[in-house]
PDB file of N, CA and C in Angstrom:
ATOM      1  N   MET A   1      75.720 106.179  82.689  1.00  0.00           N
ATOM      2  CA  MET A   1      76.225 105.119  83.795  1.00  0.00           C
ATOM      3  C   MET A   1      76.587 103.933  82.955  1.00  0.00           C
ATOM      4  N   GLY A   2      77.669 103.285  83.366  1.00  0.00           N
ATOM      5  CA  GLY A   2      78.146 102.131  82.751  1.00  0.00           C
ATOM      6  C   GLY A   2      77.808 100.863  83.547  1.00  0.00           C
ATOM      7  N   LYS A   3      78.327  99.789  82.955  1.00  0.00           N
ATOM      8  CA  LYS A   3      78.132  98.439  83.651  1.00  0.00           C
ATOM      9  C   LYS A   3      79.111  98.470  84.851  1.00  0.00           C
ATOM     10  N   ARG A   4      78.713  97.583  85.780  1.00  0.00           N
ATOM     11  CA  ARG A   4      79.624  97.349  86.932  1.00  0.00           C
ATOM     12  C   ARG A   4      80.600  96.313  86.476  1.00  0.00           C
ATOM     13  N   MET A   5      81.903  96.594  87.007  1.00  0.00           N
ATOM     14  CA  MET A   5      82.989  95.691  86.600  1.00  0.00           C
ATOM     15  C   MET A   5      83.084  94.593  87.670  1.00  0.00           C
ATOM     16  N   PHE A   6      82.955  93.380  87.276  1.00  0.00           N
ATOM     17  CA  PHE A   6      83.101  92.223  88.176  1.00  0.00           C
ATOM     18  C   PHE A   6      84.437  91.576  87.818  1.00  0.00           C
ATOM     19  N   GLY A   7      85.269  91.645  88.810  1.00  0.00           N
ATOM     20  CA  GLY A   7      86.618  91.001  88.673  1.00  0.00           C
ATOM     21  C   GLY A   7      86.475  89.399  88.507  1.00  0.00           C
ATOM     22  N   LYS A   8      87.637  88.969  88.117  1.00  0.00           N
ATOM     23  CA  LYS A   8      87.631  87.435  87.969  1.00  0.00           C
ATOM     24  C   LYS A   8      87.590  86.664  89.248  1.00  0.00           C
ATOM     25  N   ARG A   9      86.771  85.688  89.417  1.00  0.00           N
ATOM     26  CA  ARG A   9      86.695  85.052  90.751  1.00  0.00           C
ATOM     27  C   ARG A   9      87.920  84.160  90.928  1.00  0.00           C
ATOM     28  N   LEU A  10      88.577  84.078  92.148  1.00  0.00           N
ATOM     29  CA  LEU A  10      89.553  83.157  92.307  1.00  0.00           C
ATOM     30  C   LEU A  10      88.962  81.747  92.820  1.00  0.00           C
ATOM     31  N   ASP A  11      89.774  80.775  92.472  1.00  0.00           N
ATOM     32  CA  ASP A  11      89.490  79.419  92.985  1.00  0.00           C
ATOM     33  C   ASP A  11      89.827  79.481  94.516  1.00  0.00           C
ATOM     34  N   ASN A  12      89.354  78.354  95.119  1.00  0.00           N
ATOM     35  CA  ASN A  12      89.675  78.091  96.582  1.00  0.00           C
ATOM     36  C   ASN A  12      91.235  77.986  96.710  1.00  0.00           C
ATOM     37  N   ARG A  13      91.893  77.460  95.758  1.00  0.00           N
ATOM     38  CA  ARG A  13      93.292  77.270  95.945  1.00  0.00           C
ATOM     39  C   ARG A  13      94.208  78.269  95.459  1.00  0.00           C
ATOM     40  N   GLU A  14      93.522  79.509  95.284  1.00  0.00           N
ATOM     41  CA  GLU A  14      94.371  80.638  94.714  1.00  0.00           C
ATOM     42  C   GLU A  14      94.279  81.933  95.620  1.00  0.00           C
ATOM     43  N   ALA A  15      95.308  82.628  95.484  1.00  0.00           N
ATOM     44  CA  ALA A  15      95.467  83.974  96.279  1.00  0.00           C
ATOM     45  C   ALA A  15      96.208  84.859  95.262  1.00  0.00           C
ATOM     46  N   LYS A  16      95.823  86.151  95.430  1.00  0.00           N
ATOM     47  CA  LYS A  16      96.514  87.137  94.633  1.00  0.00           C
ATOM     48  C   LYS A  16      96.956  88.297  95.462  1.00  0.00           C
ATOM     49  N   ALA A  17      97.836  89.087  94.718  1.00  0.00           N
ATOM     50  CA  ALA A  17      98.333  90.459  95.316  1.00  0.00           C
ATOM     51  C   ALA A  17      98.466  91.379  94.129  1.00  0.00           C
ATOM     52  N   ILE A  18      98.123  92.693  94.373  1.00  0.00           N
ATOM     53  CA  ILE A  18      98.214  93.688  93.286  1.00  0.00           C
ATOM     54  C   ILE A  18      99.152  94.712  93.745  1.00  0.00           C
ATOM     55  N   LEU A  19     100.023  95.245  92.934  1.00  0.00           N
ATOM     56  CA  LEU A  19     100.721  96.530  93.149  1.00  0.00           C
ATOM     57  C   LEU A  19     100.403  97.377  92.076  1.00  0.00           C
ATOM     58  N   ARG A  20      99.960  98.669  92.580  1.00  0.00           N
ATOM     59  CA  ARG A  20      99.391  99.483  91.631  1.00  0.00           C
ATOM     60  C   ARG A  20     100.316 100.853  91.504  1.00  0.00           C
ATOM     61  N   ASN A  21     100.273 101.440  90.457  1.00  0.00           N
ATOM     62  CA  ASN A  21     100.945 102.744  90.194  1.00  0.00           C
ATOM     63  C   ASN A  21     102.504 102.571  90.397  1.00  0.00           C
ATOM     64  N   VAL A  22     103.176 101.629  89.790  1.00  0.00           N
ATOM     65  CA  VAL A  22     104.549 101.472  89.839  1.00  0.00           C
ATOM     66  C   VAL A  22     105.236 102.316  88.869  1.00  0.00           C
ATOM     67  N   ARG A  23     106.309 103.056  89.284  1.00  0.00           N
ATOM     68  CA  ARG A  23     106.797 103.992  88.421  1.00  0.00           C
ATOM     69  C   ARG A  23     107.890 103.322  87.499  1.00  0.00           C
ATOM     70  N   VAL A  24     107.304 102.616  86.413  1.00  0.00           N
ATOM     71  CA  VAL A  24     108.023 101.883  85.461  1.00  0.00           C
ATOM     72  C   VAL A  24     107.217 101.565  84.326  1.00  0.00           C
ATOM     73  N   SER A  25     107.737 101.432  83.101  1.00  0.00           N
ATOM     74  CA  SER A  25     106.781 101.240  81.945  1.00  0.00           C
ATOM     75  C   SER A  25     106.387  99.801  81.916  1.00  0.00           C
ATOM     76  N   VAL A  26     105.298  99.580  81.116  1.00  0.00           N
ATOM     77  CA  VAL A  26     104.738  98.285  81.044  1.00  0.00           C
ATOM     78  C   VAL A  26     105.624  97.285  80.411  1.00  0.00           C
ATOM     79  N   GLN A  27     106.462  97.644  79.390  1.00  0.00           N
ATOM     80  CA  GLN A  27     107.286  96.700  78.791  1.00  0.00           C
ATOM     81  C   GLN A  27     108.442  96.287  79.719  1.00  0.00           C
ATOM     82  N   LYS A  28     108.966  97.160  80.556  1.00  0.00           N
ATOM     83  CA  LYS A  28     110.060  96.814  81.439  1.00  0.00           C
ATOM     84  C   LYS A  28     109.400  95.853  82.563  1.00  0.00           C
ATOM     85  N   LEU A  29     108.296  96.120  83.015  1.00  0.00           N
ATOM     86  CA  LEU A  29     107.818  95.277  84.108  1.00  0.00           C
ATOM     87  C   LEU A  29     107.246  93.990  83.523  1.00  0.00           C
ATOM     88  N   ASN A  30     106.881  94.035  82.335  1.00  0.00           N
ATOM     89  CA  ASN A  30     106.461  92.664  81.774  1.00  0.00           C
ATOM     90  C   ASN A  30     107.676  91.701  81.656  1.00  0.00           C
ATOM     91  N   LEU A  31     108.806  92.175  81.464  1.00  0.00           N
ATOM     92  CA  LEU A  31     109.975  91.365  81.329  1.00  0.00           C
ATOM     93  C   LEU A  31     110.340  90.706  82.574  1.00  0.00           C
ATOM     94  N   VAL A  32     110.129  91.288  83.738  1.00  0.00           N
ATOM     95  CA  VAL A  32     110.213  90.703  85.091  1.00  0.00           C
ATOM     96  C   VAL A  32     109.068  89.721  85.404  1.00  0.00           C
ATOM     97  N   ALA A  33     107.813  90.114  84.850  1.00  0.00           N
ATOM     98  CA  ALA A  33     106.733  89.110  85.064  1.00  0.00           C
ATOM     99  C   ALA A  33     107.078  87.839  84.346  1.00  0.00           C
ATOM    100  N   GLN A  34     107.428  87.917  83.177  1.00  0.00           N
ATOM    101  CA  GLN A  34     107.740  86.729  82.331  1.00  0.00           C
ATOM    102  C   GLN A  34     108.759  85.875  82.927  1.00  0.00           C
ATOM    103  N   MET A  35     109.638  86.388  83.759  1.00  0.00           N
ATOM    104  CA  MET A  35     110.706  85.461  84.446  1.00  0.00           C
ATOM    105  C   MET A  35     110.007  84.522  85.416  1.00  0.00           C
ATOM    106  N   ILE A  36     108.983  84.947  86.096  1.00  0.00           N
ATOM    107  CA  ILE A  36     108.370  84.180  87.165  1.00  0.00           C
ATOM    108  C   ILE A  36     107.078  83.508  86.873  1.00  0.00           C
ATOM    109  N   ARG A  37     106.609  83.781  85.663  1.00  0.00           N
ATOM    110  CA  ARG A  37     105.293  83.102  85.154  1.00  0.00           C
ATOM    111  C   ARG A  37     105.459  81.554  85.227  1.00  0.00           C
ATOM    112  N   GLY A  38     104.515  80.809  85.878  1.00  0.00           N
ATOM    113  CA  GLY A  38     104.642  79.328  85.801  1.00  0.00           C
ATOM    114  C   GLY A  38     105.623  78.702  86.742  1.00  0.00           C
ATOM    115  N   GLN A  39     106.421  79.399  87.415  1.00  0.00           N
ATOM    116  CA  GLN A  39     107.526  78.753  88.305  1.00  0.00           C
ATOM    117  C   GLN A  39     106.929  78.515  89.633  1.00  0.00           C
ATOM    118  N   ARG A  40     107.522  77.596  90.441  1.00  0.00           N
ATOM    119  CA  ARG A  40     107.189  77.421  91.809  1.00  0.00           C
ATOM    120  C   ARG A  40     107.542  78.672  92.606  1.00  0.00           C
ATOM    121  N   ALA A  41     106.848  78.799  93.715  1.00  0.00           N
ATOM    122  CA  ALA A  41     106.912  80.156  94.483  1.00  0.00           C
ATOM    123  C   ALA A  41     108.329  80.349  94.935  1.00  0.00           C
ATOM    124  N   ASN A  42     109.024  79.302  95.473  1.00  0.00           N
ATOM    125  CA  ASN A  42     110.243  79.482  96.129  1.00  0.00           C
ATOM    126  C   ASN A  42     111.271  79.783  95.011  1.00  0.00           C
ATOM    127  N   HIS A  43     111.085  79.127  93.915  1.00  0.00           N
ATOM    128  CA  HIS A  43     112.036  79.429  92.738  1.00  0.00           C
ATOM    129  C   HIS A  43     111.885  80.671  92.237  1.00  0.00           C
ATOM    130  N   ALA A  44     110.807  81.117  92.157  1.00  0.00           N
ATOM    131  CA  ALA A  44     110.425  82.512  91.580  1.00  0.00           C
ATOM    132  C   ALA A  44     111.102  83.451  92.580  1.00  0.00           C
ATOM    133  N   LEU A  45     111.001  83.307  93.891  1.00  0.00           N
ATOM    134  CA  LEU A  45     111.642  84.299  94.786  1.00  0.00           C
ATOM    135  C   LEU A  45     113.187  84.292  94.505  1.00  0.00           C
ATOM    136  N   ALA A  46     113.712  83.192  94.425  1.00  0.00           N
ATOM    137  CA  ALA A  46     115.169  83.115  94.165  1.00  0.00           C
ATOM    138  C   ALA A  46     115.562  83.857  92.843  1.00  0.00           C
ATOM    139  N   THR A  47     114.699  83.544  91.845  1.00  0.00           N
ATOM    140  CA  THR A  47     114.834  84.320  90.593  1.00  0.00           C
ATOM    141  C   THR A  47     115.000  85.817  90.694  1.00  0.00           C
ATOM    142  N   LEU A  48     113.892  86.335  91.472  1.00  0.00           N
ATOM    143  CA  LEU A  48     113.815  87.742  91.566  1.00  0.00           C
ATOM    144  C   LEU A  48     114.871  88.290  92.337  1.00  0.00           C
ATOM    145  N   ALA A  49     115.244  87.491  93.442  1.00  0.00           N
ATOM    146  CA  ALA A  49     116.300  87.994  94.396  1.00  0.00           C
ATOM    147  C   ALA A  49     117.664  88.247  93.680  1.00  0.00           C
ATOM    148  N   PHE A  50     117.974  87.434  92.643  1.00  0.00           N
ATOM    149  CA  PHE A  50     119.230  87.466  91.880  1.00  0.00           C
ATOM    150  C   PHE A  50     119.228  88.194  90.595  1.00  0.00           C
ATOM    151  N   SER A  51     117.904  88.762  90.220  1.00  0.00           N
ATOM    152  CA  SER A  51     117.764  89.575  89.039  1.00  0.00           C
ATOM    153  C   SER A  51     118.516  90.847  89.137  1.00  0.00           C
ATOM    154  N   LYS A  52     119.017  91.240  88.004  1.00  0.00           N
ATOM    155  CA  LYS A  52     119.791  92.571  88.024  1.00  0.00           C
ATOM    156  C   LYS A  52     118.752  93.767  87.750  1.00  0.00           C
ATOM    157  N   ARG A  53     117.520  93.546  87.368  1.00  0.00           N
ATOM    158  CA  ARG A  53     116.493  94.559  87.216  1.00  0.00           C
ATOM    159  C   ARG A  53     116.080  95.135  88.497  1.00  0.00           C
ATOM    160  N   GLN A  54     116.054  96.507  88.433  1.00  0.00           N
ATOM    161  CA  GLN A  54     115.923  97.268  89.667  1.00  0.00           C
ATOM    162  C   GLN A  54     114.375  97.035  90.182  1.00  0.00           C
ATOM    163  N   ILE A  55     113.447  96.917  89.385  1.00  0.00           N
ATOM    164  CA  ILE A  55     112.035  96.716  89.619  1.00  0.00           C
ATOM    165  C   ILE A  55     111.894  95.230  90.204  1.00  0.00           C
ATOM    166  N   ALA A  56     112.651  94.347  89.983  1.00  0.00           N
ATOM    167  CA  ALA A  56     112.650  93.004  90.585  1.00  0.00           C
ATOM    168  C   ALA A  56     112.403  92.953  92.031  1.00  0.00           C
ATOM    169  N   HIS A  57     112.974  93.979  92.830  1.00  0.00           N
ATOM    170  CA  HIS A  57     112.868  93.964  94.232  1.00  0.00           C
ATOM    171  C   HIS A  57     111.473  94.287  94.562  1.00  0.00           C
ATOM    172  N   ASP A  58     110.691  95.089  93.895  1.00  0.00           N
ATOM    173  CA  ASP A  58     109.426  95.453  94.287  1.00  0.00           C
ATOM    174  C   ASP A  58     108.448  94.274  93.898  1.00  0.00           C
ATOM    175  N   VAL A  59     108.776  93.570  92.804  1.00  0.00           N
ATOM    176  CA  VAL A  59     107.945  92.412  92.270  1.00  0.00           C
ATOM    177  C   VAL A  59     108.086  91.244  93.361  1.00  0.00           C
ATOM    178  N   LYS A  60     109.398  91.232  93.923  1.00  0.00           N
ATOM    179  CA  LYS A  60     109.686  90.081  94.820  1.00  0.00           C
ATOM    180  C   LYS A  60     108.725  90.382  96.283  1.00  0.00           C
ATOM    181  N   LYS A  61     108.676  91.688  96.596  1.00  0.00           N
ATOM    182  CA  LYS A  61     107.943  91.975  97.656  1.00  0.00           C
ATOM    183  C   LYS A  61     106.443  91.691  97.416  1.00  0.00           C
ATOM    184  N   LEU A  62     105.940  91.867  96.202  1.00  0.00           N
ATOM    185  CA  LEU A  62     104.636  91.620  95.856  1.00  0.00           C
ATOM    186  C   LEU A  62     104.326  90.151  95.864  1.00  0.00           C
ATOM    187  N   LEU A  63     105.368  89.276  95.365  1.00  0.00           N
ATOM    188  CA  LEU A  63     105.158  87.782  95.375  1.00  0.00           C
ATOM    189  C   LEU A  63     105.203  87.349  96.845  1.00  0.00           C
ATOM    190  N   GLU A  64     105.952  87.917  97.632  1.00  0.00           N
ATOM    191  CA  GLU A  64     105.938  87.530  99.018  1.00  0.00           C
ATOM    192  C   GLU A  64     104.573  87.818  99.696  1.00  0.00           C
ATOM    193  N   SER A  65     104.003  88.960  99.327  1.00  0.00           N
ATOM    194  CA  SER A  65     102.709  89.350  99.816  1.00  0.00           C
ATOM    195  C   SER A  65     101.622  88.364  99.313  1.00  0.00           C
ATOM    196  N   ALA A  66     101.660  87.849  97.982  1.00  0.00           N
ATOM    197  CA  ALA A  66     100.713  86.920  97.479  1.00  0.00           C
ATOM    198  C   ALA A  66     100.807  85.602  98.298  1.00  0.00           C
ATOM    199  N   ILE A  67     102.105  85.279  98.574  1.00  0.00           N
ATOM    200  CA  ILE A  67     102.290  84.004  99.373  1.00  0.00           C
ATOM    201  C   ILE A  67     101.792  84.115 100.652  1.00  0.00           C
ATOM    202  N   ALA A  68     102.067  85.241 101.398  1.00  0.00           N
ATOM    203  CA  ALA A  68     101.369  85.436 102.697  1.00  0.00           C
ATOM    204  C   ALA A  68      99.831  85.484 102.664  1.00  0.00           C
ATOM    205  N   ASN A  69      99.272  86.099 101.682  1.00  0.00           N
ATOM    206  CA  ASN A  69      97.883  86.035 101.423  1.00  0.00           C
ATOM    207  C   ASN A  69      97.282  84.590 101.387  1.00  0.00           C
ATOM    208  N   ALA A  70      98.055  83.748 100.619  1.00  0.00           N
ATOM    209  CA  ALA A  70      97.680  82.455 100.472  1.00  0.00           C
ATOM    210  C   ALA A  70      97.778  81.574 101.785  1.00  0.00           C
ATOM    211  N   GLU A  71      98.794  81.810 102.558  1.00  0.00           N
ATOM    212  CA  GLU A  71      99.017  81.132 103.819  1.00  0.00           C
ATOM    213  C   GLU A  71      98.026  81.505 104.899  1.00  0.00           C
ATOM    214  N   ASN A  72      97.778  82.893 105.084  1.00  0.00           N
ATOM    215  CA  ASN A  72      97.003  83.304 106.113  1.00  0.00           C
ATOM    216  C   ASN A  72      95.452  83.491 105.801  1.00  0.00           C
ATOM    217  N   ASN A  73      95.110  83.810 104.660  1.00  0.00           N
ATOM    218  CA  ASN A  73      93.705  83.982 104.226  1.00  0.00           C
ATOM    219  C   ASN A  73      93.092  82.759 103.719  1.00  0.00           C
ATOM    220  N   HIS A  74      93.841  81.969 102.945  1.00  0.00           N
ATOM    221  CA  HIS A  74      93.278  80.746 102.323  1.00  0.00           C
ATOM    222  C   HIS A  74      93.806  79.404 102.965  1.00  0.00           C
ATOM    223  N   GLN A  75      94.708  79.487 103.938  1.00  0.00           N
ATOM    224  CA  GLN A  75      95.265  78.197 104.449  1.00  0.00           C
ATOM    225  C   GLN A  75      95.918  77.258 103.435  1.00  0.00           C
ATOM    226  N   LEU A  76      96.582  77.832 102.527  1.00  0.00           N
ATOM    227  CA  LEU A  76      97.243  76.962 101.586  1.00  0.00           C
ATOM    228  C   LEU A  76      98.607  76.621 101.960  1.00  0.00           C
ATOM    229  N   ASP A  77      99.229  75.549 101.524  1.00  0.00           N
ATOM    230  CA  ASP A  77     100.503  75.021 101.916  1.00  0.00           C
ATOM    231  C   ASP A  77     101.657  75.957 101.045  1.00  0.00           C
ATOM    232  N   VAL A  78     102.377  76.434 101.798  1.00  0.00           N
ATOM    233  CA  VAL A  78     103.430  77.404 101.124  1.00  0.00           C
ATOM    234  C   VAL A  78     104.335  76.611 100.175  1.00  0.00           C
ATOM    235  N   ASP A  79     104.737  75.419 100.639  1.00  0.00           N
ATOM    236  CA  ASP A  79     105.720  74.674  99.835  1.00  0.00           C
ATOM    237  C   ASP A  79     105.074  74.061  98.487  1.00  0.00           C
ATOM    238  N   ARG A  80     103.806  74.142  98.254  1.00  0.00           N
ATOM    239  CA  ARG A  80     103.236  73.621  97.099  1.00  0.00           C
ATOM    240  C   ARG A  80     102.712  74.700  96.117  1.00  0.00           C
ATOM    241  N   LEU A  81     103.095  76.025  96.428  1.00  0.00           N
ATOM    242  CA  LEU A  81     102.599  77.126  95.660  1.00  0.00           C
ATOM    243  C   LEU A  81     103.353  77.250  94.510  1.00  0.00           C
ATOM    244  N   PHE A  82     102.633  77.825  93.335  1.00  0.00           N
ATOM    245  CA  PHE A  82     103.408  78.201  92.097  1.00  0.00           C
ATOM    246  C   PHE A  82     102.678  79.409  91.555  1.00  0.00           C
ATOM    247  N   VAL A  83     103.338  80.210  90.809  1.00  0.00           N
ATOM    248  CA  VAL A  83     102.920  81.356  90.103  1.00  0.00           C
ATOM    249  C   VAL A  83     102.049  81.087  88.957  1.00  0.00           C
ATOM    250  N   LYS A  84     100.757  81.127  89.218  1.00  0.00           N
ATOM    251  CA  LYS A  84      99.732  80.674  88.186  1.00  0.00           C
ATOM    252  C   LYS A  84      99.761  81.806  87.111  1.00  0.00           C
ATOM    253  N   GLU A  85      99.538  83.133  87.468  1.00  0.00           N
ATOM    254  CA  GLU A  85      99.545  84.207  86.526  1.00  0.00           C
ATOM    255  C   GLU A  85     100.268  85.295  87.067  1.00  0.00           C
ATOM    256  N   ALA A  86     100.978  86.103  86.203  1.00  0.00           N
ATOM    257  CA  ALA A  86     101.562  87.345  86.586  1.00  0.00           C
ATOM    258  C   ALA A  86     101.337  88.235  85.453  1.00  0.00           C
ATOM    259  N   PHE A  87     100.465  89.149  85.474  1.00  0.00           N
ATOM    260  CA  PHE A  87     100.216  89.964  84.321  1.00  0.00           C
ATOM    261  C   PHE A  87     100.338  91.551  84.709  1.00  0.00           C
ATOM    262  N   VAL A  88     100.645  92.352  83.610  1.00  0.00           N
ATOM    263  CA  VAL A  88     100.855  93.702  83.804  1.00  0.00           C
ATOM    264  C   VAL A  88      99.846  94.609  83.077  1.00  0.00           C
ATOM    265  N   GLY A  89      99.405  95.703  83.754  1.00  0.00           N
ATOM    266  CA  GLY A  89      98.491  96.636  82.935  1.00  0.00           C
ATOM    267  C   GLY A  89      99.013  98.014  83.056  1.00  0.00           C
ATOM    268  N   LYS A  90      98.498  98.818  82.071  1.00  0.00           N
ATOM    269  CA  LYS A  90      98.952 100.187  82.055  1.00  0.00           C
ATOM    270  C   LYS A  90      98.224 101.227  82.856  1.00  0.00           C
ATOM    271  N   SER A  91      98.845 102.046  83.507  1.00  0.00           N
ATOM    272  CA  SER A  91      98.265 103.055  84.434  1.00  0.00           C
ATOM    273  C   SER A  91      98.413 104.422  83.900  1.00  0.00           C
ATOM    274  N   ILE A  92      98.522 105.476  84.709  1.00  0.00           N
ATOM    275  CA  ILE A  92      98.467 106.744  84.218  1.00  0.00           C
ATOM    276  C   ILE A  92      99.868 107.001  83.672  1.00  0.00           C
ATOM    277  N   THR A  93      99.981 108.139  82.782  1.00  0.00           N
ATOM    278  CA  THR A  93     101.180 108.618  82.175  1.00  0.00           C
ATOM    279  C   THR A  93     101.268 109.980  82.545  1.00  0.00           C
ATOM    280  N   MET A  94     102.299 110.376  83.276  1.00  0.00           N
ATOM    281  CA  MET A  94     102.532 111.808  83.660  1.00  0.00           C
ATOM    282  C   MET A  94     103.264 112.432  82.421  1.00  0.00           C
ATOM    283  N   LYS A  95     102.738 113.678  81.989  1.00  0.00           N
ATOM    284  CA  LYS A  95     103.411 114.278  80.822  1.00  0.00           C
ATOM    285  C   LYS A  95     104.198 115.513  81.326  1.00  0.00           C
ATOM    286  N   ARG A  96     105.296 115.616  80.904  1.00  0.00           N
ATOM    287  CA  ARG A  96     106.202 116.752  81.371  1.00  0.00           C
ATOM    288  C   ARG A  96     106.717 117.283  79.992  1.00  0.00           C
ATOM    289  N   PHE A  97     107.240 118.519  80.075  1.00  0.00           N
ATOM    290  CA  PHE A  97     107.844 119.279  78.950  1.00  0.00           C
ATOM    291  C   PHE A  97     109.043 119.821  79.209  1.00  0.00           C
ATOM    292  N   ARG A  98     109.955 119.804  78.274  1.00  0.00           N
ATOM    293  CA  ARG A  98     111.216 120.318  78.387  1.00  0.00           C
ATOM    294  C   ARG A  98     111.709 121.269  77.184  1.00  0.00           C
ATOM    295  N   PRO A  99     112.260 122.494  77.600  1.00  0.00           N
ATOM    296  CA  PRO A  99     112.446 123.323  76.399  1.00  0.00           C
ATOM    297  C   PRO A  99     113.561 122.914  75.557  1.00  0.00           C
ATOM    298  N   ARG A 100     113.369 123.076  74.205  1.00  0.00           N
ATOM    299  CA  ARG A 100     114.243 122.760  73.229  1.00  0.00           C
ATOM    300  C   ARG A 100     114.615 123.904  72.491  1.00  0.00           C
ATOM    301  N   ALA A 101     115.387 123.570  71.383  1.00  0.00           N
ATOM    302  CA  ALA A 101     116.018 124.760  70.627  1.00  0.00           C
ATOM    303  C   ALA A 101     114.865 125.572  69.892  1.00  0.00           C
ATOM    304  N   ARG A 102     115.200 126.831  69.584  1.00  0.00           N
ATOM    305  CA  ARG A 102     114.422 127.631  68.881  1.00  0.00           C
ATOM    306  C   ARG A 102     112.915 127.795  69.443  1.00  0.00           C
ATOM    307  N   GLY A 103     112.820 127.774  70.732  1.00  0.00           N
ATOM    308  CA  GLY A 103     111.556 127.960  71.462  1.00  0.00           C
ATOM    309  C   GLY A 103     110.512 126.833  71.331  1.00  0.00           C
ATOM    310  N   LEU A 104     111.005 125.774  71.030  1.00  0.00           N
ATOM    311  CA  LEU A 104     110.073 124.538  70.873  1.00  0.00           C
ATOM    312  C   LEU A 104     110.103 123.763  72.205  1.00  0.00           C
ATOM    313  N   LEU A 105     109.053 122.764  72.280  1.00  0.00           N
ATOM    314  CA  LEU A 105     108.951 121.938  73.406  1.00  0.00           C
ATOM    315  C   LEU A 105     109.367 120.412  73.068  1.00  0.00           C
ATOM    316  N   GLY A 106     109.915 119.807  74.004  1.00  0.00           N
ATOM    317  CA  GLY A 106     110.043 118.388  73.867  1.00  0.00           C
ATOM    318  C   GLY A 106     109.199 117.660  74.941  1.00  0.00           C
ATOM    319  N   ARG A 107     108.269 116.768  74.580  1.00  0.00           N
ATOM    320  CA  ARG A 107     107.370 116.031  75.406  1.00  0.00           C
ATOM    321  C   ARG A 107     108.241 114.934  76.189  1.00  0.00           C
ATOM    322  N   ILE A 108     107.949 114.788  77.373  1.00  0.00           N
ATOM    323  CA  ILE A 108     108.576 113.589  78.042  1.00  0.00           C
ATOM    324  C   ILE A 108     107.299 112.941  78.689  1.00  0.00           C
ATOM    325  N   LYS A 109     107.244 111.610  78.499  1.00  0.00           N
ATOM    326  CA  LYS A 109     106.076 110.776  79.018  1.00  0.00           C
ATOM    327  C   LYS A 109     106.686 109.965  80.129  1.00  0.00           C
ATOM    328  N   ARG A 110     106.137 109.901  81.276  1.00  0.00           N
ATOM    329  CA  ARG A 110     106.654 109.127  82.472  1.00  0.00           C
ATOM    330  C   ARG A 110     105.586 108.072  82.701  1.00  0.00           C
ATOM    331  N   PRO A 111     105.592 106.781  82.149  1.00  0.00           N
ATOM    332  CA  PRO A 111     104.506 105.975  82.477  1.00  0.00           C
ATOM    333  C   PRO A 111     104.499 105.207  83.719  1.00  0.00           C
ATOM    334  N   PHE A 112     103.336 104.841  84.165  1.00  0.00           N
ATOM    335  CA  PHE A 112     103.141 104.088  85.474  1.00  0.00           C
ATOM    336  C   PHE A 112     102.423 102.728  85.066  1.00  0.00           C
ATOM    337  N   SER A 113     102.505 101.707  85.989  1.00  0.00           N
ATOM    338  CA  SER A 113     102.023 100.433  85.554  1.00  0.00           C
ATOM    339  C   SER A 113     101.343  99.770  86.805  1.00  0.00           C
ATOM    340  N   HIS A 114     100.607  98.661  86.536  1.00  0.00           N
ATOM    341  CA  HIS A 114      99.952  97.848  87.638  1.00  0.00           C
ATOM    342  C   HIS A 114     100.499  96.468  87.370  1.00  0.00           C
ATOM    343  N   ILE A 115     100.665  95.702  88.351  1.00  0.00           N
ATOM    344  CA  ILE A 115     101.058  94.310  88.187  1.00  0.00           C
ATOM    345  C   ILE A 115     100.288  93.501  89.186  1.00  0.00           C
ATOM    346  N   THR A 116      99.836  92.286  88.713  1.00  0.00           N
ATOM    347  CA  THR A 116      99.007  91.399  89.521  1.00  0.00           C
ATOM    348  C   THR A 116      99.680  90.092  89.431  1.00  0.00           C
ATOM    349  N   VAL A 117      99.814  89.421  90.739  1.00  0.00           N
ATOM    350  CA  VAL A 117     100.343  87.998  90.817  1.00  0.00           C
ATOM    351  C   VAL A 117      99.417  87.171  91.461  1.00  0.00           C
ATOM    352  N   ILE A 118      99.130  86.064  90.746  1.00  0.00           N
ATOM    353  CA  ILE A 118      98.092  85.040  91.371  1.00  0.00           C
ATOM    354  C   ILE A 118      98.947  83.894  91.468  1.00  0.00           C
ATOM    355  N   VAL A 119      98.912  83.320  92.855  1.00  0.00           N
ATOM    356  CA  VAL A 119      99.552  82.018  93.211  1.00  0.00           C
ATOM    357  C   VAL A 119      98.526  81.128  93.389  1.00  0.00           C
ATOM    358  N   SER A 120      98.870  79.706  93.083  1.00  0.00           N
ATOM    359  CA  SER A 120      97.903  78.699  93.232  1.00  0.00           C
ATOM    360  C   SER A 120      98.639  77.407  93.879  1.00  0.00           C
ATOM    361  N   GLU A 121      97.816  76.543  94.360  1.00  0.00           N
ATOM    362  CA  GLU A 121      98.359  75.356  94.968  1.00  0.00           C
ATOM    363  C   GLU A 121      98.369  74.287  93.982  1.00  0.00           C
ATOM    364  N   LEU A 122      99.495  73.502  93.946  1.00  0.00           N
ATOM    365  CA  LEU A 122      99.686  72.384  93.009  1.00  0.00           C
ATOM    366  C   LEU A 122      98.710  71.277  93.380  1.00  0.00           C
ATOM    367  N   ARG A 123      98.004  70.715  92.578  1.00  0.00           N
ATOM    368  CA  ARG A 123      97.066  69.591  92.827  1.00  0.00           C
ATOM    369  C   ARG A 123      97.840  68.313  92.950  1.00  0.00           C
ATOM    370  N   GLU A 124      97.305  67.359  93.767  1.00  0.00           N
ATOM    371  CA  GLU A 124      98.047  66.038  93.931  1.00  0.00           C
ATOM    372  C   GLU A 124      97.851  65.338  92.685  1.00  0.00           C
ATOM    373  N   GLN A 125      98.925  64.594  92.278  1.00  0.00           N
ATOM    374  CA  GLN A 125      98.946  63.789  91.142  1.00  0.00           C
ATOM    375  C   GLN A 125      98.554  62.328  91.606  1.00  0.00           C
ATOM    376  N   PRO A 126      97.486  61.800  90.855  1.00  0.00           N
ATOM    377  CA  PRO A 126      97.087  60.453  91.390  1.00  0.00           C
ATOM    378  C   PRO A 126      98.115  59.399  90.984  1.00  0.00           C
ATOM    379  N   ASN A 127      98.239  58.392  91.848  1.00  0.00           N
ATOM    380  CA  ASN A 127      99.288  57.307  91.647  1.00  0.00           C
ATOM    381  C   ASN A 127      98.811  56.468  90.572  1.00  0.00           C
ATOM    382  N   GLY A 128      99.670  55.871  89.817  1.00  0.00           N
ATOM    383  CA  GLY A 128      99.368  55.074  88.699  1.00  0.00           C
ATOM    384  C   GLY A 128      99.251  53.623  89.178  1.00  0.00           C
ATOM    385  N   SER A 129      99.284  53.321  90.482  1.00  0.00           N
ATOM    386  CA  SER A 129      99.317  51.857  90.728  1.00  0.00           C
ATOM    387  C   SER A 129      97.758  51.337  90.998  1.00  0.00           C
TER     388      SER A 129
END
C-alpha cells in the first residue's frame, strides 16, 4: 500500500478544470498551454479561438469550463480572471503494430495527455495616494 495522494489546495480566489485523456501528445498540447499561461481569461479565449491548432478548440472549452466554475462555485468576478496555471501531464500510450518489409513489425505509439487550467482573480492594487 502506498501513500494517499493529496492534491494541491486551491486558494479562495481560484478555480480549476481538468481535461483528461486527450488524444494528442504532451508536446503538442503544451504549445497551446504556453499560449494562454498568464493571460487574462477573455484574452486567452480570443487567442484560442483564432489559433490554427486543432486541439485549441478543446482547450478553449476547458478554459470556458474553468471560468464557469469560478463564477458559479466560487462567486468570482469573470472580468477580473486570469489564467494562473496551465499544465500538461502524460497519460496512457496506446501501442499499435504495422507490418513492415521482410516480416518485421513497426511500432506505432499513440499518446494521450491530461491538461489542467487554474484561473485566479486579480487582486486589487492599492492606491499610492
